[in-house]
Amino acid sequence: MDRLSNTVRPYAWGSTTAIPELLGTPPTGEPQAEMWMGAHPGAPSLLTRDGAELPLDQVIASDPARELGAATVEKFGPRLPFLLKLLAAGAPLSLQVHPDLTQARLGFADEEARAIPLDAPHRTYRDANHKPELICALTPFEGLCGFRRPDEAAALLEALGVDSLKPYADLLRAHPEEAALREVLTAILTADPEEMAATVGEAAAAAERLGGPHAPYAEIARHYPGDAGVIAAMLLNHVRLQPGEALYLGAGVPHAYLDGLGVEIMANSDNVLRCGLTPKHIDVPELLRVVRFEATEPGVLRPEAAPSGEEPYETPVDEFRLSRFDLPPGAAPVDLTAATPQILLCTAGSLRTGDLDLVPGGSVFVPAGETVETSGNGTLFRATVVA
């Protein structure tokens, strides 16, 4: 197995302290938003083989069957199908949804046929894959996930006492769930920008004054003044995760991360359709085609330990499987050998994994079938696939 050297992405919404504190390094004063572990071509992890430092995607491409295992290659092709991250939100991320696999394939083919460059700002589909994802909290973590019931969203808007929000509340109460959510989100995203900016300003001031359930939206508005996404965010469930709890986000579910540090895993894709809280391109017609207009209760995942000590976060996809091991002092070594490729990440304590020592933020790539066990006192996340 190989120790990984990973890239930290400096997105503007990133925390300046969370990842440095985990890694035990001094903060730079710049945002450190995500540390990527995997073979994504945008920032592949580096490892050392035969004295040479190589990107993981090149290592896998040179011998997919050896690195990934025959079953993984047969099911997903000659590539690592997931990307693992440390994600540190110091400000809200964009409000967004991801397409399902069929939507991604059709959307990618359409934009390729229209010769839209992959790096064009108005390009929506960067690849032909879906992007289900899971976030597991390492610290208290806040986010938005899925639509509220229309009557709950109406009540939240009405309590602000902003006249220009009344038509949205009326629509939410007047129509069946799917139609109500679709009509209101459409109205928010297609409203006159100057009028919407004024509405957001009034709503933010009222949310600041009221506090309580409105407080998160006042904070969002401080980061994105005048953005229609502030009002769209009020249609969604506000979720607080405690360390060890997780959220699974499937296709079509609108969501945004607001604050906190977590381990995130996703299918290896860049397909994001934004709804707001961003200066980037918003493709409203395509967004409305992809969003699932249904109220949901956020399903917070709280894993239970198996006899092996492994705590799995169960999801309905095969591209990734995330689990956690909490090893107390004096625990017996844990066998992690698997027929699938693995990335192992230490987030607390000190662990001996294979012949390598891991401290928080340390990670390794384990080729399929390689014998490996871990011991020590700490927390280890295991990322692999279902093949």
Protein backbone atom coordinates (compact mmCIF):
# COMPACT_ATOMS: atom_id res chain seq x y z
CA MET A 1 0.00 0.00 0.00
CA ASP A 2 1.05 3.60 -0.49
CA ARG A 3 0.98 6.76 1.59
CA LEU A 4 -0.89 9.54 -0.23
CA SER A 5 0.11 13.15 -0.67
CA ASN A 6 -3.08 15.14 -1.19
CA THR A 7 -4.04 18.53 -2.60
CA VAL A 8 -5.93 21.07 -0.48
CA ARG A 9 -8.30 23.24 -2.54
CA PRO A 10 -8.51 26.92 -1.47
CA TYR A 11 -12.15 27.65 -2.36
CA ALA A 12 -13.40 30.95 -0.96
CA TRP A 13 -16.00 29.31 1.31
CA GLY A 14 -13.39 27.20 3.10
CA SER A 15 -12.47 27.51 6.76
CA THR A 16 -9.06 29.02 7.43
CA THR A 17 -8.48 26.85 10.52
CA ALA A 18 -10.37 23.51 10.48
CA ILE A 19 -8.12 21.49 8.17
CA PRO A 20 -4.88 22.92 9.62
CA GLU A 21 -6.09 22.05 13.12
CA LEU A 22 -6.78 18.46 12.06
CA LEU A 23 -3.44 18.15 10.29
CA GLY A 24 -1.53 19.85 13.11
CA THR A 25 -0.12 22.49 10.76
CA PRO A 26 -0.13 26.28 11.16
CA PRO A 27 -2.94 28.09 9.31
CA THR A 28 -1.87 30.17 6.35
CA GLY A 29 -4.64 32.74 6.69
CA GLU A 30 -6.12 31.55 3.39
CA PRO A 31 -9.23 29.35 3.14
CA GLN A 32 -8.56 25.61 3.04
CA ALA A 33 -11.83 24.12 1.84
CA GLU A 34 -11.25 20.54 0.68
CA MET A 35 -8.48 17.96 0.81
CA TRP A 36 -8.93 15.50 -2.05
CA MET A 37 -7.97 11.83 -1.74
CA GLY A 38 -8.34 9.77 -4.87
CA ALA A 39 -7.71 9.68 -8.61
CA HIS A 40 -9.82 12.60 -9.82
CA PRO A 41 -7.93 14.15 -12.76
CA GLY A 42 -8.49 17.63 -11.33
CA ALA A 43 -6.24 16.93 -8.34
CA PRO A 44 -5.11 13.29 -8.11
CA SER A 45 -3.33 12.16 -4.98
CA LEU A 46 0.38 11.46 -5.36
CA LEU A 47 2.19 8.33 -4.20
CA THR A 48 5.73 7.00 -4.49
CA ARG A 49 6.43 3.85 -6.47
CA ASP A 50 9.97 2.63 -7.21
CA GLY A 51 11.42 5.94 -6.07
CA ALA A 52 9.20 8.04 -8.36
CA GLU A 53 6.31 10.25 -7.27
CA LEU A 54 3.29 9.44 -9.44
CA PRO A 55 -0.37 10.58 -9.62
CA LEU A 56 -2.79 7.89 -8.48
CA ASP A 57 -4.83 8.11 -11.68
CA GLN A 58 -1.72 7.23 -13.72
CA VAL A 59 -0.85 4.36 -11.39
CA ILE A 60 -4.35 2.92 -11.82
CA ALA A 61 -4.36 3.46 -15.59
CA SER A 62 -1.08 1.53 -15.92
CA ASP A 63 -2.59 -1.66 -14.43
CA PRO A 64 -6.31 -1.30 -13.54
CA ALA A 65 -6.86 -4.99 -12.76
CA ARG A 66 -4.00 -5.08 -10.26
CA GLU A 67 -4.86 -1.81 -8.51
CA LEU A 68 -8.68 -2.04 -8.56
CA GLY A 69 -9.37 -5.76 -8.83
CA ALA A 70 -11.15 -7.54 -11.67
CA ALA A 71 -14.64 -7.17 -10.17
CA THR A 72 -14.28 -3.38 -9.74
CA VAL A 73 -12.97 -2.94 -13.29
CA GLU A 74 -15.79 -5.07 -14.71
CA LYS A 75 -18.45 -3.07 -12.86
CA PHE A 76 -17.09 0.50 -13.08
CA GLY A 77 -14.40 0.45 -15.74
CA PRO A 78 -10.66 1.08 -15.31
CA ARG A 79 -10.97 3.99 -12.87
CA LEU A 80 -11.44 4.56 -9.17
CA PRO A 81 -15.19 5.27 -8.96
CA PHE A 82 -15.15 7.47 -5.85
CA LEU A 83 -13.48 10.59 -4.48
CA LEU A 84 -12.84 11.01 -0.74
CA LYS A 85 -12.46 14.45 0.84
CA LEU A 86 -11.99 16.37 4.02
CA LEU A 87 -14.47 19.23 3.67
CA ALA A 88 -14.20 22.35 5.87
CA ALA A 89 -16.99 24.88 5.40
CA GLY A 90 -16.37 28.30 6.92
CA ALA A 91 -19.16 29.87 4.85
CA PRO A 92 -22.17 28.43 2.99
CA LEU A 93 -21.51 26.49 -0.19
CA SER A 94 -23.71 27.02 -3.23
CA LEU A 95 -27.26 25.68 -3.12
CA GLN A 96 -27.14 22.77 -5.58
CA VAL A 97 -28.46 19.48 -6.94
CA HIS A 98 -26.88 16.61 -8.85
CA PRO A 99 -28.33 14.66 -11.80
CA ASP A 100 -29.05 10.96 -11.85
CA LEU A 101 -27.04 8.70 -14.17
CA THR A 102 -29.45 8.91 -17.12
CA GLN A 103 -29.73 12.70 -16.86
CA ALA A 104 -25.94 13.03 -16.67
CA ARG A 105 -25.37 10.87 -19.75
CA LEU A 106 -27.98 12.69 -21.81
CA GLY A 107 -26.88 16.14 -20.63
CA PHE A 108 -23.21 15.43 -21.30
CA ALA A 109 -23.94 14.05 -24.77
CA ASP A 110 -26.08 17.08 -25.61
CA GLU A 111 -23.42 19.60 -24.57
CA GLU A 112 -20.73 17.62 -26.39
CA ALA A 113 -22.86 17.64 -29.54
CA ARG A 114 -23.21 21.43 -29.20
CA ALA A 115 -19.40 21.69 -28.83
CA ILE A 116 -19.55 23.57 -25.53
CA PRO A 117 -16.01 23.53 -24.10
CA LEU A 118 -15.62 21.52 -20.91
CA ASP A 119 -14.20 24.55 -19.11
CA ALA A 120 -16.84 27.00 -20.36
CA PRO A 121 -18.50 28.92 -17.49
CA HIS A 122 -21.96 28.05 -18.84
CA ARG A 123 -21.19 24.34 -19.20
CA THR A 124 -23.41 22.23 -16.90
CA TYR A 125 -22.29 18.63 -17.49
CA ARG A 126 -18.54 18.09 -17.10
CA ASP A 127 -18.81 14.30 -17.44
CA ALA A 128 -21.39 11.54 -18.02
CA ASN A 129 -21.62 10.35 -14.43
CA HIS A 130 -23.96 10.92 -11.52
CA LYS A 131 -22.76 12.38 -8.22
CA PRO A 132 -24.41 10.85 -5.16
CA GLU A 133 -22.55 11.86 -2.01
CA LEU A 134 -22.28 11.29 1.73
CA ILE A 135 -21.04 13.74 4.37
CA CYS A 136 -20.00 12.50 7.82
CA ALA A 137 -19.46 15.13 10.53
CA LEU A 138 -16.15 15.35 12.38
CA THR A 139 -17.31 18.47 14.25
CA PRO A 140 -20.84 19.87 14.74
CA PHE A 141 -21.95 20.38 11.15
CA GLU A 142 -24.79 22.44 9.64
CA GLY A 143 -26.43 22.05 6.27
CA LEU A 144 -29.59 22.26 4.22
CA CYS A 145 -31.03 19.05 2.79
CA GLY A 146 -34.24 18.42 0.84
CA PHE A 147 -37.49 20.36 0.72
CA ARG A 148 -39.57 21.13 3.78
CA ARG A 149 -43.28 20.40 3.63
CA PRO A 150 -44.92 23.33 1.77
CA ASP A 151 -46.97 24.40 4.80
CA GLU A 152 -43.82 24.52 6.96
CA ALA A 153 -42.00 26.60 4.35
CA ALA A 154 -45.00 28.93 4.08
CA ALA A 155 -45.07 29.44 7.84
CA LEU A 156 -41.33 30.25 7.88
CA LEU A 157 -41.78 32.86 5.14
CA GLU A 158 -44.93 34.37 6.67
CA ALA A 159 -43.26 34.86 10.05
CA LEU A 160 -40.77 37.26 8.44
CA GLY A 161 -43.55 39.77 7.74
CA VAL A 162 -42.13 40.75 4.33
CA ASP A 163 -44.91 41.72 1.91
CA SER A 164 -43.07 40.55 -1.21
CA LEU A 165 -42.82 37.04 0.24
CA LYS A 166 -46.58 36.68 0.69
CA PRO A 167 -47.23 35.47 -2.91
CA TYR A 168 -44.73 32.64 -2.36
CA ALA A 169 -46.40 31.62 0.89
CA ASP A 170 -49.81 31.73 -0.79
CA LEU A 171 -48.60 29.48 -3.60
CA LEU A 172 -47.15 27.01 -1.10
CA ARG A 173 -50.52 26.73 0.63
CA ALA A 174 -52.69 26.71 -2.49
CA HIS A 175 -51.30 23.80 -4.52
CA PRO A 176 -50.38 20.14 -4.10
CA GLU A 177 -46.85 19.52 -2.86
CA GLU A 178 -44.99 18.96 -6.13
CA ALA A 179 -46.69 21.83 -7.95
CA ALA A 180 -46.30 24.18 -5.00
CA LEU A 181 -42.57 23.58 -4.61
CA ARG A 182 -41.94 23.76 -8.35
CA GLU A 183 -43.90 27.00 -8.81
CA VAL A 184 -42.28 28.76 -5.89
CA LEU A 185 -38.69 27.77 -6.73
CA THR A 186 -39.30 28.78 -10.34
CA ALA A 187 -40.71 32.14 -9.24
CA ILE A 188 -37.74 32.80 -6.94
CA LEU A 189 -35.12 31.96 -9.57
CA THR A 190 -36.80 33.94 -12.37
CA ALA A 191 -37.72 37.04 -10.33
CA ASP A 192 -36.40 40.46 -11.33
CA PRO A 193 -32.90 40.66 -9.80
CA GLU A 194 -33.33 44.15 -8.34
CA GLU A 195 -36.69 43.32 -6.81
CA MET A 196 -35.33 40.05 -5.43
CA ALA A 197 -32.31 41.82 -3.93
CA ALA A 198 -34.65 44.16 -2.06
CA THR A 199 -36.74 41.22 -0.85
CA VAL A 200 -33.63 39.39 0.36
CA GLY A 201 -32.50 42.50 2.22
CA GLU A 202 -35.84 42.81 4.03
CA ALA A 203 -35.98 39.09 4.75
CA ALA A 204 -32.43 39.06 6.12
CA ALA A 205 -33.15 41.96 8.46
CA ALA A 206 -36.30 40.25 9.72
CA ALA A 207 -34.47 36.92 10.16
CA GLU A 208 -31.75 38.68 12.16
CA ARG A 209 -34.39 40.26 14.39
CA LEU A 210 -36.40 37.07 14.91
CA GLY A 211 -33.52 34.63 15.44
CA GLY A 212 -34.47 31.06 16.32
CA PRO A 213 -35.29 29.00 13.22
CA HIS A 214 -34.68 32.09 11.07
CA ALA A 215 -31.11 32.68 12.32
CA PRO A 216 -29.38 30.41 9.74
CA TYR A 217 -30.86 32.45 6.88
CA ALA A 218 -29.65 35.73 8.34
CA GLU A 219 -26.16 34.20 8.41
CA ILE A 220 -26.49 32.96 4.82
CA ALA A 221 -27.56 36.46 3.71
CA ARG A 222 -24.47 37.99 5.33
CA HIS A 223 -22.35 35.92 2.96
CA TYR A 224 -24.62 36.32 -0.08
CA PRO A 225 -26.44 39.67 0.18
CA GLY A 226 -29.22 40.05 -2.34
CA ASP A 227 -28.89 36.48 -3.65
CA ALA A 228 -32.16 34.74 -4.56
CA GLY A 229 -30.69 31.57 -3.06
CA VAL A 230 -31.30 33.04 0.41
CA ILE A 231 -35.05 32.76 -0.16
CA ALA A 232 -34.74 29.41 -1.95
CA ALA A 233 -32.83 28.11 1.08
CA MET A 234 -35.88 28.74 3.26
CA LEU A 235 -37.71 26.03 1.32
CA LEU A 236 -35.21 23.43 2.61
CA ASN A 237 -34.74 21.51 5.85
CA HIS A 238 -32.07 22.89 8.14
CA VAL A 239 -29.99 20.03 9.58
CA ARG A 240 -27.45 19.88 12.41
CA LEU A 241 -25.17 16.84 12.57
CA GLN A 242 -23.18 15.78 15.60
CA PRO A 243 -19.76 14.16 15.15
CA GLY A 244 -20.17 10.68 13.71
CA GLU A 245 -23.57 11.42 12.14
CA ALA A 246 -23.93 11.55 8.37
CA LEU A 247 -26.23 12.59 5.53
CA TYR A 248 -26.68 10.83 2.20
CA LEU A 249 -27.58 13.09 -0.73
CA GLY A 250 -29.03 11.41 -3.79
CA ALA A 251 -29.91 12.73 -7.24
CA GLY A 252 -32.27 15.69 -7.47
CA VAL A 253 -32.13 16.58 -3.77
CA PRO A 254 -31.34 20.29 -3.25
CA HIS A 255 -28.75 20.86 -0.57
CA ALA A 256 -25.99 23.11 0.75
CA TYR A 257 -23.36 22.76 3.45
CA LEU A 258 -23.19 25.74 5.80
CA ASP A 259 -20.54 25.22 8.46
CA GLY A 260 -18.32 22.51 9.93
CA LEU A 261 -15.70 19.87 9.17
CA GLY A 262 -16.55 16.49 7.73
CA VAL A 263 -15.43 13.50 5.69
CA GLU A 264 -17.18 13.51 2.32
CA ILE A 265 -17.31 10.75 -0.26
CA MET A 266 -18.92 10.89 -3.67
CA ALA A 267 -19.05 9.27 -7.06
CA ASN A 268 -16.20 10.58 -9.21
CA SER A 269 -18.05 13.39 -11.01
CA ASP A 270 -18.12 17.18 -11.36
CA ASN A 271 -21.78 17.50 -12.32
CA VAL A 272 -23.40 20.27 -10.26
CA LEU A 273 -26.52 22.31 -11.04
CA ARG A 274 -26.65 25.42 -8.88
CA CYS A 275 -29.77 27.06 -7.46
CA GLY A 276 -28.17 30.08 -5.80
CA LEU A 277 -25.65 31.31 -3.22
CA THR A 278 -23.08 31.61 -5.98
CA PRO A 279 -21.85 34.00 -8.67
CA LYS A 280 -21.55 31.02 -11.05
CA HIS A 281 -23.86 30.14 -13.91
CA ILE A 282 -27.38 28.95 -13.03
CA ASP A 283 -29.13 26.99 -15.79
CA VAL A 284 -32.70 27.42 -14.57
CA PRO A 285 -34.49 25.22 -17.18
CA GLU A 286 -32.09 22.30 -16.69
CA LEU A 287 -32.15 22.76 -12.93
CA LEU A 288 -35.94 22.55 -12.84
CA ARG A 289 -35.77 19.37 -14.94
CA VAL A 290 -33.37 17.69 -12.49
CA VAL A 291 -34.77 18.77 -9.11
CA ARG A 292 -37.09 16.32 -7.37
CA PHE A 293 -39.96 18.41 -6.05
CA GLU A 294 -40.92 16.37 -3.04
CA ALA A 295 -40.75 17.09 0.67
CA THR A 296 -38.39 14.80 2.56
CA GLU A 297 -37.21 14.23 6.09
CA PRO A 298 -33.40 14.34 6.15
CA GLY A 299 -32.29 10.82 6.94
CA VAL A 300 -29.51 11.26 9.47
CA LEU A 301 -27.31 8.14 9.48
CA ARG A 302 -26.04 6.86 12.83
CA PRO A 303 -24.05 3.68 12.23
CA GLU A 304 -23.90 0.77 14.61
CA ALA A 305 -20.67 -1.17 15.08
CA ALA A 306 -20.44 -4.67 13.60
CA PRO A 307 -18.64 -7.42 15.55
CA SER A 308 -15.47 -6.48 13.63
CA GLY A 309 -15.70 -2.94 15.04
CA GLU A 310 -16.55 -1.50 11.63
CA GLU A 311 -19.31 1.13 11.58
CA PRO A 312 -20.73 1.33 8.03
CA TYR A 313 -22.76 4.21 6.59
CA GLU A 314 -25.25 2.39 4.39
CA THR A 315 -26.26 4.03 1.08
CA PRO A 316 -28.14 2.81 -2.01
CA VAL A 317 -25.18 3.22 -4.40
CA ASP A 318 -22.27 0.95 -5.28
CA GLU A 319 -19.65 3.53 -6.36
CA PHE A 320 -18.65 4.09 -2.76
CA ARG A 321 -18.93 2.61 0.69
CA LEU A 322 -17.77 4.57 3.74
CA SER A 323 -17.22 3.10 7.18
CA ARG A 324 -15.46 4.07 10.40
CA PHE A 325 -13.36 2.31 13.02
CA ASP A 326 -12.87 3.75 16.51
CA LEU A 327 -9.98 1.87 18.09
CA PRO A 328 -9.61 2.25 21.89
CA PRO A 329 -6.23 1.87 23.62
CA GLY A 330 -5.11 -1.74 23.65
CA ALA A 331 -7.57 -2.88 20.97
CA ALA A 332 -6.64 -5.93 18.94
CA PRO A 333 -5.45 -5.25 15.37
CA VAL A 334 -8.27 -5.01 12.81
CA ASP A 335 -8.01 -6.88 9.51
CA LEU A 336 -8.93 -4.56 6.60
CA THR A 337 -8.03 -6.86 3.72
CA ALA A 338 -10.58 -6.56 0.88
CA ALA A 339 -11.00 -7.63 -2.74
CA THR A 340 -11.73 -4.01 -3.67
CA PRO A 341 -9.50 -0.88 -3.70
CA GLN A 342 -9.44 1.18 -0.52
CA ILE A 343 -8.44 4.59 0.76
CA LEU A 344 -7.87 4.70 4.52
CA LEU A 345 -7.94 8.05 6.35
CA CYS A 346 -6.97 8.71 9.97
CA THR A 347 -8.92 11.54 11.62
CA ALA A 348 -7.89 11.14 15.28
CA GLY A 349 -5.21 9.51 17.40
CA SER A 350 -2.27 7.49 16.13
CA LEU A 351 -2.58 4.30 14.11
CA ARG A 352 -0.24 1.72 12.62
CA THR A 353 -1.71 0.68 9.27
CA GLY A 354 0.22 -1.92 7.39
CA ASP A 355 3.83 -0.78 7.76
CA LEU A 356 2.91 2.93 7.92
CA ASP A 357 2.14 5.20 10.87
CA LEU A 358 -0.93 7.40 10.41
CA VAL A 359 -1.77 10.58 12.32
CA PRO A 360 -4.79 12.84 11.71
CA GLY A 361 -5.07 13.72 8.04
CA GLY A 362 -2.83 10.85 6.97
CA SER A 363 -4.14 8.57 4.25
CA VAL A 364 -3.11 5.53 2.23
CA PHE A 365 -4.22 3.78 -0.94
CA VAL A 366 -4.56 0.00 -0.65
CA PRO A 367 -4.75 -1.94 -3.93
CA ALA A 368 -7.42 -4.62 -4.22
CA GLY A 369 -6.57 -7.84 -2.40
CA GLU A 370 -3.56 -6.48 -0.52
CA THR A 371 -3.31 -7.77 3.04
CA VAL A 372 -3.58 -4.93 5.55
CA GLU A 373 -4.47 -4.47 9.20
CA THR A 374 -4.57 -1.47 11.52
CA SER A 375 -3.84 -1.09 15.22
CA GLY A 376 -3.31 1.66 17.79
CA ASN A 377 -5.64 4.23 19.35
CA GLY A 378 -7.64 6.45 17.02
CA THR A 379 -10.30 6.82 14.34
CA LEU A 380 -9.95 5.45 10.82
CA PHE A 381 -12.32 6.00 7.89
CA ARG A 382 -12.39 3.34 5.20
CA ALA A 383 -13.52 4.21 1.66
CA THR A 384 -14.11 1.48 -0.88
CA VAL A 385 -16.69 0.24 -3.42
CA VAL A 386 -19.42 -2.39 -3.61
CA ALA A 387 -18.33 -4.75 -6.38
